[in-house]
Amino acid sequence: MEKEITSKICNYIYKNFRPKYKSNLEFAMVCGIDEKTVRLIQQEKINLSLGKLKQICDAQNIKLSKVLKDIGE
């Protein structure tokens, strides 16, 4: 179940937030995360901490609760 939630969160971030930017590096800089983290999100190979997920949501001006609602969790 954890893998399924991780996959849903990564997929949501990469499909809804990443396309707004020209590159993974630009997305990473706006969100205050490493470019490597963006690549791991793309590959669905990272279990984001709640803090990091909130940081990404804050940078995108979206509430964490909306993301969780949108993915069905």
PDB file of N, CA and C in Angstrom:
ATOM      1  N   MET A   1       0.819  -1.188   0.000  1.00  0.00           N
ATOM      2  CA  MET A   1       0.000   0.000   0.000  1.00  0.00           C
ATOM      3  C   MET A   1       0.870   1.260   0.000  1.00  0.00           C
ATOM      4  N   GLU A   2       1.968   1.245   0.756  1.00  0.00           N
ATOM      5  CA  GLU A   2       2.861   2.404   0.794  1.00  0.00           C
ATOM      6  C   GLU A   2       3.404   2.718  -0.599  1.00  0.00           C
ATOM      7  N   LYS A   3       3.778   1.691  -1.342  1.00  0.00           N
ATOM      8  CA  LYS A   3       4.308   1.861  -2.701  1.00  0.00           C
ATOM      9  C   LYS A   3       3.255   2.493  -3.594  1.00  0.00           C
ATOM     10  N   GLU A   4       2.006   2.100  -3.429  1.00  0.00           N
ATOM     11  CA  GLU A   4       0.909   2.634  -4.243  1.00  0.00           C
ATOM     12  C   GLU A   4       0.706   4.130  -3.962  1.00  0.00           C
ATOM     13  N   ILE A   5       0.736   4.515  -2.704  1.00  0.00           N
ATOM     14  CA  ILE A   5       0.566   5.928  -2.335  1.00  0.00           C
ATOM     15  C   ILE A   5       1.748   6.741  -2.839  1.00  0.00           C
ATOM     16  N   THR A   6       2.956   6.213  -2.657  1.00  0.00           N
ATOM     17  CA  THR A   6       4.161   6.889  -3.144  1.00  0.00           C
ATOM     18  C   THR A   6       4.066   7.114  -4.644  1.00  0.00           C
ATOM     19  N   SER A   7       3.656   6.100  -5.356  1.00  0.00           N
ATOM     20  CA  SER A   7       3.511   6.193  -6.810  1.00  0.00           C
ATOM     21  C   SER A   7       2.476   7.245  -7.194  1.00  0.00           C
ATOM     22  N   LYS A   8       1.350   7.276  -6.506  1.00  0.00           N
ATOM     23  CA  LYS A   8       0.302   8.258  -6.795  1.00  0.00           C
ATOM     24  C   LYS A   8       0.787   9.686  -6.564  1.00  0.00           C
ATOM     25  N   ILE A   9       1.495   9.895  -5.462  1.00  0.00           N
ATOM     26  CA  ILE A   9       1.997  11.228  -5.133  1.00  0.00           C
ATOM     27  C   ILE A   9       3.023  11.677  -6.171  1.00  0.00           C
ATOM     28  N   CYS A  10       3.970  10.822  -6.485  1.00  0.00           N
ATOM     29  CA  CYS A  10       4.996  11.166  -7.477  1.00  0.00           C
ATOM     30  C   CYS A  10       4.368  11.462  -8.831  1.00  0.00           C
ATOM     31  N   ASN A  11       3.453  10.617  -9.240  1.00  0.00           N
ATOM     32  CA  ASN A  11       2.770  10.791 -10.520  1.00  0.00           C
ATOM     33  C   ASN A  11       2.022  12.123 -10.547  1.00  0.00           C
ATOM     34  N   TYR A  12       1.326  12.439  -9.483  1.00  0.00           N
ATOM     35  CA  TYR A  12       0.569  13.688  -9.397  1.00  0.00           C
ATOM     36  C   TYR A  12       1.500  14.893  -9.519  1.00  0.00           C
ATOM     37  N   ILE A  13       2.583  14.877  -8.778  1.00  0.00           N
ATOM     38  CA  ILE A  13       3.536  15.991  -8.807  1.00  0.00           C
ATOM     39  C   ILE A  13       4.107  16.154 -10.214  1.00  0.00           C
ATOM     40  N   TYR A  14       4.541  15.056 -10.790  1.00  0.00           N
ATOM     41  CA  TYR A  14       5.212  15.156 -12.084  1.00  0.00           C
ATOM     42  C   TYR A  14       4.256  15.559 -13.207  1.00  0.00           C
ATOM     43  N   LYS A  15       3.022  15.118 -13.147  1.00  0.00           N
ATOM     44  CA  LYS A  15       2.072  15.446 -14.223  1.00  0.00           C
ATOM     45  C   LYS A  15       1.389  16.793 -14.032  1.00  0.00           C
ATOM     46  N   ASN A  16       1.227  17.251 -12.796  1.00  0.00           N
ATOM     47  CA  ASN A  16       0.497  18.489 -12.546  1.00  0.00           C
ATOM     48  C   ASN A  16       1.376  19.700 -12.298  1.00  0.00           C
ATOM     49  N   PHE A  17       2.552  19.509 -11.738  1.00  0.00           N
ATOM     50  CA  PHE A  17       3.404  20.645 -11.398  1.00  0.00           C
ATOM     51  C   PHE A  17       4.579  20.805 -12.362  1.00  0.00           C
ATOM     52  N   ARG A  18       5.254  19.736 -12.692  1.00  0.00           N
ATOM     53  CA  ARG A  18       6.474  19.791 -13.496  1.00  0.00           C
ATOM     54  C   ARG A  18       6.274  20.434 -14.869  1.00  0.00           C
ATOM     55  N   PRO A  19       5.175  20.194 -15.591  1.00  0.00           N
ATOM     56  CA  PRO A  19       5.026  20.767 -16.938  1.00  0.00           C
ATOM     57  C   PRO A  19       5.022  22.303 -16.991  1.00  0.00           C
ATOM     58  N   LYS A  20       4.847  22.957 -15.867  1.00  0.00           N
ATOM     59  CA  LYS A  20       4.835  24.423 -15.834  1.00  0.00           C
ATOM     60  C   LYS A  20       6.229  25.011 -16.022  1.00  0.00           C
ATOM     61  N   TYR A  21       7.253  24.175 -15.993  1.00  0.00           N
ATOM     62  CA  TYR A  21       8.635  24.641 -16.013  1.00  0.00           C
ATOM     63  C   TYR A  21       9.387  24.076 -17.214  1.00  0.00           C
ATOM     64  N   LYS A  22      10.419  24.820 -17.638  1.00  0.00           N
ATOM     65  CA  LYS A  22      11.190  24.418 -18.814  1.00  0.00           C
ATOM     66  C   LYS A  22      12.053  23.190 -18.573  1.00  0.00           C
ATOM     67  N   SER A  23      12.467  22.987 -17.311  1.00  0.00           N
ATOM     68  CA  SER A  23      13.379  21.879 -17.017  1.00  0.00           C
ATOM     69  C   SER A  23      13.173  21.374 -15.592  1.00  0.00           C
ATOM     70  N   ASN A  24      13.735  20.210 -15.334  1.00  0.00           N
ATOM     71  CA  ASN A  24      13.717  19.672 -13.977  1.00  0.00           C
ATOM     72  C   ASN A  24      14.460  20.600 -13.033  1.00  0.00           C
ATOM     73  N   LEU A  25      15.544  21.199 -13.532  1.00  0.00           N
ATOM     74  CA  LEU A  25      16.339  22.098 -12.700  1.00  0.00           C
ATOM     75  C   LEU A  25      15.517  23.319 -12.285  1.00  0.00           C
ATOM     76  N   GLU A  26      14.783  23.901 -13.218  1.00  0.00           N
ATOM     77  CA  GLU A  26      13.955  25.069 -12.892  1.00  0.00           C
ATOM     78  C   GLU A  26      12.878  24.702 -11.868  1.00  0.00           C
ATOM     79  N   PHE A  27      12.231  23.567 -12.062  1.00  0.00           N
ATOM     80  CA  PHE A  27      11.219  23.095 -11.122  1.00  0.00           C
ATOM     81  C   PHE A  27      11.837  22.902  -9.737  1.00  0.00           C
ATOM     82  N   ALA A  28      13.011  22.271  -9.698  1.00  0.00           N
ATOM     83  CA  ALA A  28      13.701  22.022  -8.435  1.00  0.00           C
ATOM     84  C   ALA A  28      14.040  23.328  -7.721  1.00  0.00           C
ATOM     85  N   MET A  29      14.529  24.294  -8.465  1.00  0.00           N
ATOM     86  CA  MET A  29      14.913  25.577  -7.869  1.00  0.00           C
ATOM     87  C   MET A  29      13.703  26.300  -7.274  1.00  0.00           C
ATOM     88  N   VAL A  30      12.595  26.297  -7.996  1.00  0.00           N
ATOM     89  CA  VAL A  30      11.380  26.957  -7.509  1.00  0.00           C
ATOM     90  C   VAL A  30      10.889  26.290  -6.223  1.00  0.00           C
ATOM     91  N   CYS A  31      10.985  24.969  -6.176  1.00  0.00           N
ATOM     92  CA  CYS A  31      10.487  24.215  -5.018  1.00  0.00           C
ATOM     93  C   CYS A  31      11.505  24.123  -3.883  1.00  0.00           C
ATOM     94  N   GLY A  32      12.746  24.505  -4.145  1.00  0.00           N
ATOM     95  CA  GLY A  32      13.773  24.425  -3.114  1.00  0.00           C
ATOM     96  C   GLY A  32      14.221  23.001  -2.825  1.00  0.00           C
ATOM     97  N   ILE A  33      14.243  22.168  -3.872  1.00  0.00           N
ATOM     98  CA  ILE A  33      14.667  20.779  -3.726  1.00  0.00           C
ATOM     99  C   ILE A  33      15.791  20.503  -4.723  1.00  0.00           C
ATOM    100  N   ASP A  34      16.447  19.368  -4.587  1.00  0.00           N
ATOM    101  CA  ASP A  34      17.513  18.977  -5.507  1.00  0.00           C
ATOM    102  C   ASP A  34      16.925  18.490  -6.821  1.00  0.00           C
ATOM    103  N   GLU A  35      17.672  18.704  -7.893  1.00  0.00           N
ATOM    104  CA  GLU A  35      17.247  18.190  -9.196  1.00  0.00           C
ATOM    105  C   GLU A  35      17.155  16.657  -9.156  1.00  0.00           C
ATOM    106  N   LYS A  36      18.033  16.036  -8.387  1.00  0.00           N
ATOM    107  CA  LYS A  36      17.996  14.575  -8.246  1.00  0.00           C
ATOM    108  C   LYS A  36      16.642  14.131  -7.678  1.00  0.00           C
ATOM    109  N   THR A  37      16.106  14.900  -6.737  1.00  0.00           N
ATOM    110  CA  THR A  37      14.798  14.585  -6.162  1.00  0.00           C
ATOM    111  C   THR A  37      13.721  14.617  -7.241  1.00  0.00           C
ATOM    112  N   VAL A  38      13.806  15.589  -8.140  1.00  0.00           N
ATOM    113  CA  VAL A  38      12.830  15.685  -9.236  1.00  0.00           C
ATOM    114  C   VAL A  38      12.930  14.453 -10.132  1.00  0.00           C
ATOM    115  N   ARG A  39      14.152  14.033 -10.436  1.00  0.00           N
ATOM    116  CA  ARG A  39      14.327  12.827 -11.262  1.00  0.00           C
ATOM    117  C   ARG A  39      13.761  11.589 -10.566  1.00  0.00           C
ATOM    118  N   LEU A  40      13.976  11.491  -9.252  1.00  0.00           N
ATOM    119  CA  LEU A  40      13.440  10.347  -8.509  1.00  0.00           C
ATOM    120  C   LEU A  40      11.912  10.384  -8.456  1.00  0.00           C
ATOM    121  N   ILE A  41      11.343  11.589  -8.390  1.00  0.00           N
ATOM    122  CA  ILE A  41       9.883  11.723  -8.456  1.00  0.00           C
ATOM    123  C   ILE A  41       9.397  11.234  -9.809  1.00  0.00           C
ATOM    124  N   GLN A  42      10.078  11.644 -10.864  1.00  0.00           N
ATOM    125  CA  GLN A  42       9.708  11.235 -12.224  1.00  0.00           C
ATOM    126  C   GLN A  42       9.726   9.710 -12.355  1.00  0.00           C
ATOM    127  N   GLN A  43      10.715   9.082 -11.746  1.00  0.00           N
ATOM    128  CA  GLN A  43      10.869   7.625 -11.832  1.00  0.00           C
ATOM    129  C   GLN A  43      10.043   6.889 -10.778  1.00  0.00           C
ATOM    130  N   GLU A  44       9.355   7.659  -9.917  1.00  0.00           N
ATOM    131  CA  GLU A  44       8.565   7.103  -8.813  1.00  0.00           C
ATOM    132  C   GLU A  44       9.424   6.234  -7.902  1.00  0.00           C
ATOM    133  N   LYS A  45      10.644   6.700  -7.638  1.00  0.00           N
ATOM    134  CA  LYS A  45      11.597   5.946  -6.816  1.00  0.00           C
ATOM    135  C   LYS A  45      11.948   6.681  -5.530  1.00  0.00           C
ATOM    136  N   ILE A  46      11.043   7.541  -5.055  1.00  0.00           N
ATOM    137  CA  ILE A  46      11.329   8.269  -3.825  1.00  0.00           C
ATOM    138  C   ILE A  46      10.091   8.278  -2.939  1.00  0.00           C
ATOM    139  N   ASN A  47      10.315   8.070  -1.671  1.00  0.00           N
ATOM    140  CA  ASN A  47       9.246   8.169  -0.690  1.00  0.00           C
ATOM    141  C   ASN A  47       9.413   9.529  -0.020  1.00  0.00           C
ATOM    142  N   LEU A  48       8.706  10.538  -0.546  1.00  0.00           N
ATOM    143  CA  LEU A  48       8.861  11.901  -0.051  1.00  0.00           C
ATOM    144  C   LEU A  48       8.431  12.022   1.402  1.00  0.00           C
ATOM    145  N   SER A  49       9.207  12.779   2.143  1.00  0.00           N
ATOM    146  CA  SER A  49       8.796  13.078   3.516  1.00  0.00           C
ATOM    147  C   SER A  49       7.616  14.043   3.451  1.00  0.00           C
ATOM    148  N   LEU A  50       6.864  14.095   4.517  1.00  0.00           N
ATOM    149  CA  LEU A  50       5.736  15.019   4.587  1.00  0.00           C
ATOM    150  C   LEU A  50       6.222  16.459   4.446  1.00  0.00           C
ATOM    151  N   GLY A  51       7.353  16.758   5.045  1.00  0.00           N
ATOM    152  CA  GLY A  51       7.928  18.099   4.958  1.00  0.00           C
ATOM    153  C   GLY A  51       8.291  18.490   3.540  1.00  0.00           C
ATOM    154  N   LYS A  52       8.914  17.573   2.815  1.00  0.00           N
ATOM    155  CA  LYS A  52       9.308  17.843   1.430  1.00  0.00           C
ATOM    156  C   LYS A  52       8.072  17.981   0.546  1.00  0.00           C
ATOM    157  N   LEU A  53       7.074  17.149   0.769  1.00  0.00           N
ATOM    158  CA  LEU A  53       5.831  17.241   0.005  1.00  0.00           C
ATOM    159  C   LEU A  53       5.153  18.585   0.260  1.00  0.00           C
ATOM    160  N   LYS A  54       5.126  19.021   1.504  1.00  0.00           N
ATOM    161  CA  LYS A  54       4.537  20.320   1.840  1.00  0.00           C
ATOM    162  C   LYS A  54       5.324  21.458   1.208  1.00  0.00           C
ATOM    163  N   GLN A  55       6.632  21.325   1.192  1.00  0.00           N
ATOM    164  CA  GLN A  55       7.494  22.329   0.568  1.00  0.00           C
ATOM    165  C   GLN A  55       7.172  22.479  -0.921  1.00  0.00           C
ATOM    166  N   ILE A  56       6.983  21.366  -1.608  1.00  0.00           N
ATOM    167  CA  ILE A  56       6.627  21.390  -3.027  1.00  0.00           C
ATOM    168  C   ILE A  56       5.247  22.015  -3.208  1.00  0.00           C
ATOM    169  N   CYS A  57       4.299  21.607  -2.375  1.00  0.00           N
ATOM    170  CA  CYS A  57       2.942  22.161  -2.455  1.00  0.00           C
ATOM    171  C   CYS A  57       2.940  23.667  -2.212  1.00  0.00           C
ATOM    172  N   ASP A  58       3.678  24.112  -1.210  1.00  0.00           N
ATOM    173  CA  ASP A  58       3.760  25.549  -0.906  1.00  0.00           C
ATOM    174  C   ASP A  58       4.325  26.322  -2.093  1.00  0.00           C
ATOM    175  N   ALA A  59       5.344  25.770  -2.732  1.00  0.00           N
ATOM    176  CA  ALA A  59       5.955  26.433  -3.887  1.00  0.00           C
ATOM    177  C   ALA A  59       4.983  26.520  -5.062  1.00  0.00           C
ATOM    178  N   GLN A  60       4.031  25.595  -5.098  1.00  0.00           N
ATOM    179  CA  GLN A  60       3.040  25.568  -6.177  1.00  0.00           C
ATOM    180  C   GLN A  60       1.736  26.257  -5.776  1.00  0.00           C
ATOM    181  N   ASN A  61       1.716  26.826  -4.584  1.00  0.00           N
ATOM    182  CA  ASN A  61       0.517  27.505  -4.056  1.00  0.00           C
ATOM    183  C   ASN A  61      -0.712  26.605  -4.054  1.00  0.00           C
ATOM    184  N   ILE A  62      -0.503  25.384  -3.574  1.00  0.00           N
ATOM    185  CA  ILE A  62      -1.599  24.426  -3.468  1.00  0.00           C
ATOM    186  C   ILE A  62      -1.530  23.803  -2.081  1.00  0.00           C
ATOM    187  N   LYS A  63      -2.666  23.545  -1.505  1.00  0.00           N
ATOM    188  CA  LYS A  63      -2.695  22.934  -0.171  1.00  0.00           C
ATOM    189  C   LYS A  63      -2.381  21.449  -0.271  1.00  0.00           C
ATOM    190  N   LEU A  64      -1.649  20.969   0.710  1.00  0.00           N
ATOM    191  CA  LEU A  64      -1.322  19.555   0.786  1.00  0.00           C
ATOM    192  C   LEU A  64      -2.599  18.714   0.815  1.00  0.00           C
ATOM    193  N   SER A  65      -3.607  19.194   1.513  1.00  0.00           N
ATOM    194  CA  SER A  65      -4.868  18.448   1.606  1.00  0.00           C
ATOM    195  C   SER A  65      -5.520  18.277   0.230  1.00  0.00           C
ATOM    196  N   LYS A  66      -5.347  19.254  -0.669  1.00  0.00           N
ATOM    197  CA  LYS A  66      -5.918  19.136  -2.014  1.00  0.00           C
ATOM    198  C   LYS A  66      -5.210  18.038  -2.797  1.00  0.00           C
ATOM    199  N   VAL A  67      -3.894  17.989  -2.661  1.00  0.00           N
ATOM    200  CA  VAL A  67      -3.133  16.940  -3.350  1.00  0.00           C
ATOM    201  C   VAL A  67      -3.606  15.565  -2.877  1.00  0.00           C
ATOM    202  N   LEU A  68      -3.709  15.400  -1.559  1.00  0.00           N
ATOM    203  CA  LEU A  68      -4.138  14.104  -1.019  1.00  0.00           C
ATOM    204  C   LEU A  68      -5.575  13.772  -1.444  1.00  0.00           C
ATOM    205  N   LYS A  69      -6.433  14.777  -1.488  1.00  0.00           N
ATOM    206  CA  LYS A  69      -7.802  14.557  -1.940  1.00  0.00           C
ATOM    207  C   LYS A  69      -7.814  14.160  -3.419  1.00  0.00           C
ATOM    208  N   ASP A  70      -7.026  14.855  -4.227  1.00  0.00           N
ATOM    209  CA  ASP A  70      -6.983  14.570  -5.672  1.00  0.00           C
ATOM    210  C   ASP A  70      -6.479  13.172  -5.981  1.00  0.00           C
ATOM    211  N   ILE A  71      -5.551  12.659  -5.166  1.00  0.00           N
ATOM    212  CA  ILE A  71      -5.064  11.310  -5.432  1.00  0.00           C
ATOM    213  C   ILE A  71      -5.910  10.239  -4.757  1.00  0.00           C
ATOM    214  N   GLY A  72      -6.896  10.687  -3.991  1.00  0.00           N
ATOM    215  CA  GLY A  72      -7.821   9.745  -3.369  1.00  0.00           C
ATOM    216  C   GLY A  72      -7.346   9.190  -2.050  1.00  0.00           C
ATOM    217  N   GLU A  73      -6.534   9.934  -1.316  1.00  0.00           N
ATOM    218  CA  GLU A  73      -6.025   9.456  -0.021  1.00  0.00           C
ATOM    219  C   GLU A  73      -6.486  10.380   1.082  1.00  0.00           C
TER     220      GLU A  73
END
